[in-house]
PDB file of N, CA and C in Angstrom:
ATOM      1  N   MET A   1    -119.224 -34.875-173.026  1.00  0.00           N
ATOM      2  CA  MET A   1    -118.094 -34.586-172.023  1.00  0.00           C
ATOM      3  C   MET A   1    -117.784 -34.048-174.224  1.00  0.00           C
ATOM      4  N   LYS A   2    -118.212 -34.054-174.906  1.00  0.00           N
ATOM      5  CA  LYS A   2    -117.775 -34.584-176.044  1.00  0.00           C
ATOM      6  C   LYS A   2    -117.410 -32.171-176.881  1.00  0.00           C
ATOM      7  N   LYS A   3    -118.769 -31.533-176.231  1.00  0.00           N
ATOM      8  CA  LYS A   3    -118.533 -30.282-176.700  1.00  0.00           C
ATOM      9  C   LYS A   3    -116.923 -29.919-176.757  1.00  0.00           C
ATOM     10  N   TYR A   4    -116.229 -30.012-175.363  1.00  0.00           N
ATOM     11  CA  TYR A   4    -114.728 -29.708-174.618  1.00  0.00           C
ATOM     12  C   TYR A   4    -114.067 -29.916-175.617  1.00  0.00           C
ATOM     13  N   ALA A   5    -114.288 -31.138-176.537  1.00  0.00           N
ATOM     14  CA  ALA A   5    -113.108 -32.193-177.736  1.00  0.00           C
ATOM     15  C   ALA A   5    -113.125 -30.922-178.830  1.00  0.00           C
ATOM     16  N   LYS A   6    -112.357 -30.104-179.047  1.00  0.00           N
ATOM     17  CA  LYS A   6    -112.292 -29.244-179.985  1.00  0.00           C
ATOM     18  C   LYS A   6    -111.238 -28.476-180.195  1.00  0.00           C
ATOM     19  N   ASP A   7    -110.850 -27.828-181.455  1.00  0.00           N
ATOM     20  CA  ASP A   7    -109.172 -27.293-181.759  1.00  0.00           C
ATOM     21  C   ASP A   7    -108.200 -28.189-182.274  1.00  0.00           C
ATOM     22  N   GLY A   8    -108.133 -29.882-182.055  1.00  0.00           N
ATOM     23  CA  GLY A   8    -107.823 -31.096-182.307  1.00  0.00           C
ATOM     24  C   GLY A   8    -107.705 -31.744-180.220  1.00  0.00           C
ATOM     25  N   TRP A   9    -108.112 -31.470-179.487  1.00  0.00           N
ATOM     26  CA  TRP A   9    -108.170 -31.749-178.165  1.00  0.00           C
ATOM     27  C   TRP A   9    -109.074 -32.896-177.517  1.00  0.00           C
ATOM     28  N   SER A  10    -108.731 -33.902-177.040  1.00  0.00           N
ATOM     29  CA  SER A  10    -109.860 -35.355-176.801  1.00  0.00           C
ATOM     30  C   SER A  10    -110.539 -35.243-175.801  1.00  0.00           C
ATOM     31  N   PRO A  11    -111.656 -35.500-175.876  1.00  0.00           N
ATOM     32  CA  PRO A  11    -113.221 -35.214-174.762  1.00  0.00           C
ATOM     33  C   PRO A  11    -112.399 -35.338-173.385  1.00  0.00           C
ATOM     34  N   ILE A  12    -112.736 -34.569-172.364  1.00  0.00           N
ATOM     35  CA  ILE A  12    -112.510 -34.568-171.124  1.00  0.00           C
ATOM     36  C   ILE A  12    -112.295 -36.669-170.124  1.00  0.00           C
ATOM     37  N   TYR A  13    -111.120 -36.589-170.090  1.00  0.00           N
ATOM     38  CA  TYR A  13    -111.086 -38.241-169.438  1.00  0.00           C
ATOM     39  C   TYR A  13    -110.715 -38.011-167.948  1.00  0.00           C
ATOM     40  N   HIS A  14    -111.479 -39.101-166.926  1.00  0.00           N
ATOM     41  CA  HIS A  14    -110.377 -38.933-165.567  1.00  0.00           C
ATOM     42  C   HIS A  14    -110.001 -40.554-165.522  1.00  0.00           C
ATOM     43  N   TYR A  15    -109.258 -39.967-164.763  1.00  0.00           N
ATOM     44  CA  TYR A  15    -107.924 -41.044-164.538  1.00  0.00           C
ATOM     45  C   TYR A  15    -108.165 -41.242-163.075  1.00  0.00           C
ATOM     46  N   GLU A  16    -108.598 -42.501-162.137  1.00  0.00           N
ATOM     47  CA  GLU A  16    -108.932 -42.488-160.515  1.00  0.00           C
ATOM     48  C   GLU A  16    -107.337 -42.867-160.145  1.00  0.00           C
ATOM     49  N   ALA A  17    -106.521 -42.134-160.073  1.00  0.00           N
ATOM     50  CA  ALA A  17    -104.942 -42.459-159.478  1.00  0.00           C
ATOM     51  C   ALA A  17    -104.686 -43.189-158.076  1.00  0.00           C
ATOM     52  N   SER A  18    -106.399 -43.263-156.800  1.00  0.00           N
ATOM     53  CA  SER A  18    -106.200 -44.039-156.340  1.00  0.00           C
ATOM     54  C   SER A  18    -107.251 -43.446-156.076  1.00  0.00           C
ATOM     55  N   SER A  19    -107.481 -44.242-154.574  1.00  0.00           N
ATOM     56  CA  SER A  19    -108.780 -43.678-154.050  1.00  0.00           C
ATOM     57  C   SER A  19    -109.726 -43.184-154.321  1.00  0.00           C
ATOM     58  N   MET A  20    -108.859 -41.509-153.369  1.00  0.00           N
ATOM     59  CA  MET A  20    -108.866 -40.625-153.325  1.00  0.00           C
ATOM     60  C   MET A  20    -107.795 -39.483-153.514  1.00  0.00           C
ATOM     61  N   ALA A  21    -107.912 -39.456-154.710  1.00  0.00           N
ATOM     62  CA  ALA A  21    -107.633 -38.851-155.903  1.00  0.00           C
ATOM     63  C   ALA A  21    -107.819 -39.345-157.859  1.00  0.00           C
ATOM     64  N   ARG A  22    -108.109 -38.438-158.275  1.00  0.00           N
ATOM     65  CA  ARG A  22    -108.928 -38.044-159.477  1.00  0.00           C
ATOM     66  C   ARG A  22    -108.000 -37.388-160.470  1.00  0.00           C
ATOM     67  N   ILE A  23    -108.082 -37.203-161.245  1.00  0.00           N
ATOM     68  CA  ILE A  23    -106.941 -36.669-162.485  1.00  0.00           C
ATOM     69  C   ILE A  23    -107.860 -36.406-163.595  1.00  0.00           C
ATOM     70  N   ASP A  24    -108.714 -35.289-164.428  1.00  0.00           N
ATOM     71  CA  ASP A  24    -109.433 -34.719-165.513  1.00  0.00           C
ATOM     72  C   ASP A  24    -108.048 -34.147-166.630  1.00  0.00           C
ATOM     73  N   TYR A  25    -107.887 -35.102-167.493  1.00  0.00           N
ATOM     74  CA  TYR A  25    -107.401 -34.875-168.152  1.00  0.00           C
ATOM     75  C   TYR A  25    -107.169 -34.092-169.950  1.00  0.00           C
ATOM     76  N   GLN A  26    -107.127 -33.578-170.479  1.00  0.00           N
ATOM     77  CA  GLN A  26    -107.539 -34.034-172.075  1.00  0.00           C
ATOM     78  C   GLN A  26    -106.050 -33.490-172.787  1.00  0.00           C
ATOM     79  N   PHE A  27    -105.770 -34.634-174.639  1.00  0.00           N
ATOM     80  CA  PHE A  27    -104.510 -35.333-175.072  1.00  0.00           C
ATOM     81  C   PHE A  27    -105.213 -34.378-176.360  1.00  0.00           C
ATOM     82  N   HIS A  28    -103.817 -34.222-176.725  1.00  0.00           N
ATOM     83  CA  HIS A  28    -104.017 -33.571-178.167  1.00  0.00           C
ATOM     84  C   HIS A  28    -103.004 -34.207-179.200  1.00  0.00           C
ATOM     85  N   ALA A  29    -102.979 -35.037-180.069  1.00  0.00           N
ATOM     86  CA  ALA A  29    -101.957 -35.790-180.739  1.00  0.00           C
ATOM     87  C   ALA A  29    -100.744 -35.118-181.444  1.00  0.00           C
ATOM     88  N   GLY A  30    -100.943 -33.828-181.524  1.00  0.00           N
ATOM     89  CA  GLY A  30    -100.158 -32.620-183.060  1.00  0.00           C
ATOM     90  C   GLY A  30    -100.059 -31.363-181.911  1.00  0.00           C
ATOM     91  N   LEU A  31     -99.819 -31.172-181.053  1.00  0.00           N
ATOM     92  CA  LEU A  31     -99.691 -29.352-180.328  1.00  0.00           C
ATOM     93  C   LEU A  31     -98.696 -28.667-181.226  1.00  0.00           C
ATOM     94  N   GLN A  32     -98.615 -27.520-181.799  1.00  0.00           N
ATOM     95  CA  GLN A  32     -97.947 -26.764-182.110  1.00  0.00           C
ATOM     96  C   GLN A  32     -97.716 -25.332-181.517  1.00  0.00           C
ATOM     97  N   VAL A  33     -97.168 -25.076-180.499  1.00  0.00           N
ATOM     98  CA  VAL A  33     -96.747 -24.330-179.844  1.00  0.00           C
ATOM     99  C   VAL A  33     -96.623 -23.001-180.675  1.00  0.00           C
ATOM    100  N   SER A  34     -95.592 -22.852-181.423  1.00  0.00           N
ATOM    101  CA  SER A  34     -94.884 -21.895-181.782  1.00  0.00           C
ATOM    102  C   SER A  34     -95.083 -21.671-183.238  1.00  0.00           C
ATOM    103  N   GLU A  35     -94.656 -20.777-183.952  1.00  0.00           N
ATOM    104  CA  GLU A  35     -94.504 -21.017-185.827  1.00  0.00           C
ATOM    105  C   GLU A  35     -93.563 -21.835-185.580  1.00  0.00           C
ATOM    106  N   GLY A  36     -93.477 -22.609-186.769  1.00  0.00           N
ATOM    107  CA  GLY A  36     -91.934 -22.963-186.926  1.00  0.00           C
ATOM    108  C   GLY A  36     -91.314 -24.032-186.187  1.00  0.00           C
ATOM    109  N   LEU A  37     -92.567 -24.474-185.213  1.00  0.00           N
ATOM    110  CA  LEU A  37     -92.055 -25.205-184.257  1.00  0.00           C
ATOM    111  C   LEU A  37     -92.969 -26.993-184.538  1.00  0.00           C
ATOM    112  N   THR A  38     -92.292 -28.218-184.783  1.00  0.00           N
ATOM    113  CA  THR A  38     -92.795 -29.418-184.717  1.00  0.00           C
ATOM    114  C   THR A  38     -93.615 -29.879-183.754  1.00  0.00           C
ATOM    115  N   PRO A  39     -94.990 -29.800-184.947  1.00  0.00           N
ATOM    116  CA  PRO A  39     -95.764 -30.399-183.470  1.00  0.00           C
ATOM    117  C   PRO A  39     -95.896 -31.554-182.602  1.00  0.00           C
ATOM    118  N   HIS A  40     -96.213 -31.910-181.199  1.00  0.00           N
ATOM    119  CA  HIS A  40     -95.830 -32.697-180.318  1.00  0.00           C
ATOM    120  C   HIS A  40     -96.986 -33.249-179.651  1.00  0.00           C
ATOM    121  N   PRO A  41     -97.191 -35.216-179.444  1.00  0.00           N
ATOM    122  CA  PRO A  41     -98.070 -34.889-178.906  1.00  0.00           C
ATOM    123  C   PRO A  41     -98.602 -34.148-177.060  1.00  0.00           C
ATOM    124  N   VAL A  42     -99.447 -33.942-176.635  1.00  0.00           N
ATOM    125  CA  VAL A  42     -99.503 -33.047-175.391  1.00  0.00           C
ATOM    126  C   VAL A  42    -100.336 -33.576-174.215  1.00  0.00           C
ATOM    127  N   VAL A  43     -99.888 -33.566-173.268  1.00  0.00           N
ATOM    128  CA  VAL A  43    -101.243 -33.675-171.952  1.00  0.00           C
ATOM    129  C   VAL A  43    -101.356 -32.660-171.465  1.00  0.00           C
ATOM    130  N   ARG A  44    -103.355 -32.391-171.530  1.00  0.00           N
ATOM    131  CA  ARG A  44    -102.930 -30.825-170.144  1.00  0.00           C
ATOM    132  C   ARG A  44    -103.875 -31.480-169.204  1.00  0.00           C
ATOM    133  N   ILE A  45    -103.274 -30.968-168.199  1.00  0.00           N
ATOM    134  CA  ILE A  45    -104.134 -31.347-166.643  1.00  0.00           C
ATOM    135  C   ILE A  45    -104.816 -30.214-166.273  1.00  0.00           C
ATOM    136  N   LEU A  46    -106.724 -30.871-166.331  1.00  0.00           N
ATOM    137  CA  LEU A  46    -107.672 -29.759-166.320  1.00  0.00           C
ATOM    138  C   LEU A  46    -107.888 -29.387-164.996  1.00  0.00           C
ATOM    139  N   LYS A  47    -107.752 -30.754-163.512  1.00  0.00           N
ATOM    140  CA  LYS A  47    -108.258 -30.397-163.107  1.00  0.00           C
ATOM    141  C   LYS A  47    -107.316 -31.922-161.801  1.00  0.00           C
ATOM    142  N   LEU A  48    -107.256 -32.094-160.252  1.00  0.00           N
ATOM    143  CA  LEU A  48    -106.703 -32.461-159.469  1.00  0.00           C
ATOM    144  C   LEU A  48    -107.195 -32.386-158.451  1.00  0.00           C
ATOM    145  N   ASP A  49    -108.700 -33.412-158.272  1.00  0.00           N
ATOM    146  CA  ASP A  49    -109.165 -33.641-156.983  1.00  0.00           C
ATOM    147  C   ASP A  49    -108.741 -34.401-155.964  1.00  0.00           C
ATOM    148  N   LEU A  50    -108.304 -33.598-154.986  1.00  0.00           N
ATOM    149  CA  LEU A  50    -107.336 -35.044-153.549  1.00  0.00           C
ATOM    150  C   LEU A  50    -108.296 -35.479-152.692  1.00  0.00           C
ATOM    151  N   GLY A  51    -109.558 -34.994-153.085  1.00  0.00           N
ATOM    152  CA  GLY A  51    -110.605 -35.016-151.707  1.00  0.00           C
ATOM    153  C   GLY A  51    -111.200 -35.691-152.262  1.00  0.00           C
ATOM    154  N   SER A  52    -111.829 -36.538-151.372  1.00  0.00           N
ATOM    155  CA  SER A  52    -112.568 -38.191-151.757  1.00  0.00           C
ATOM    156  C   SER A  52    -113.630 -37.673-152.489  1.00  0.00           C
ATOM    157  N   HIS A  53    -114.683 -38.516-153.624  1.00  0.00           N
ATOM    158  CA  HIS A  53    -114.929 -38.474-154.357  1.00  0.00           C
ATOM    159  C   HIS A  53    -116.225 -39.811-153.913  1.00  0.00           C
TER     160      HIS A  53
END
């Protein structure tokens, strides 16, 4: 999973929201989305799996 951790993004994490839902996400401690804006922590959702697994 480390190959996806680049440009300040974390590795992909998996969160079991319930027995029927899984969320794959990454976070960035200080993403600056536009020049001149202050960097902020950001979480990006990569996948929501609402089926059984």
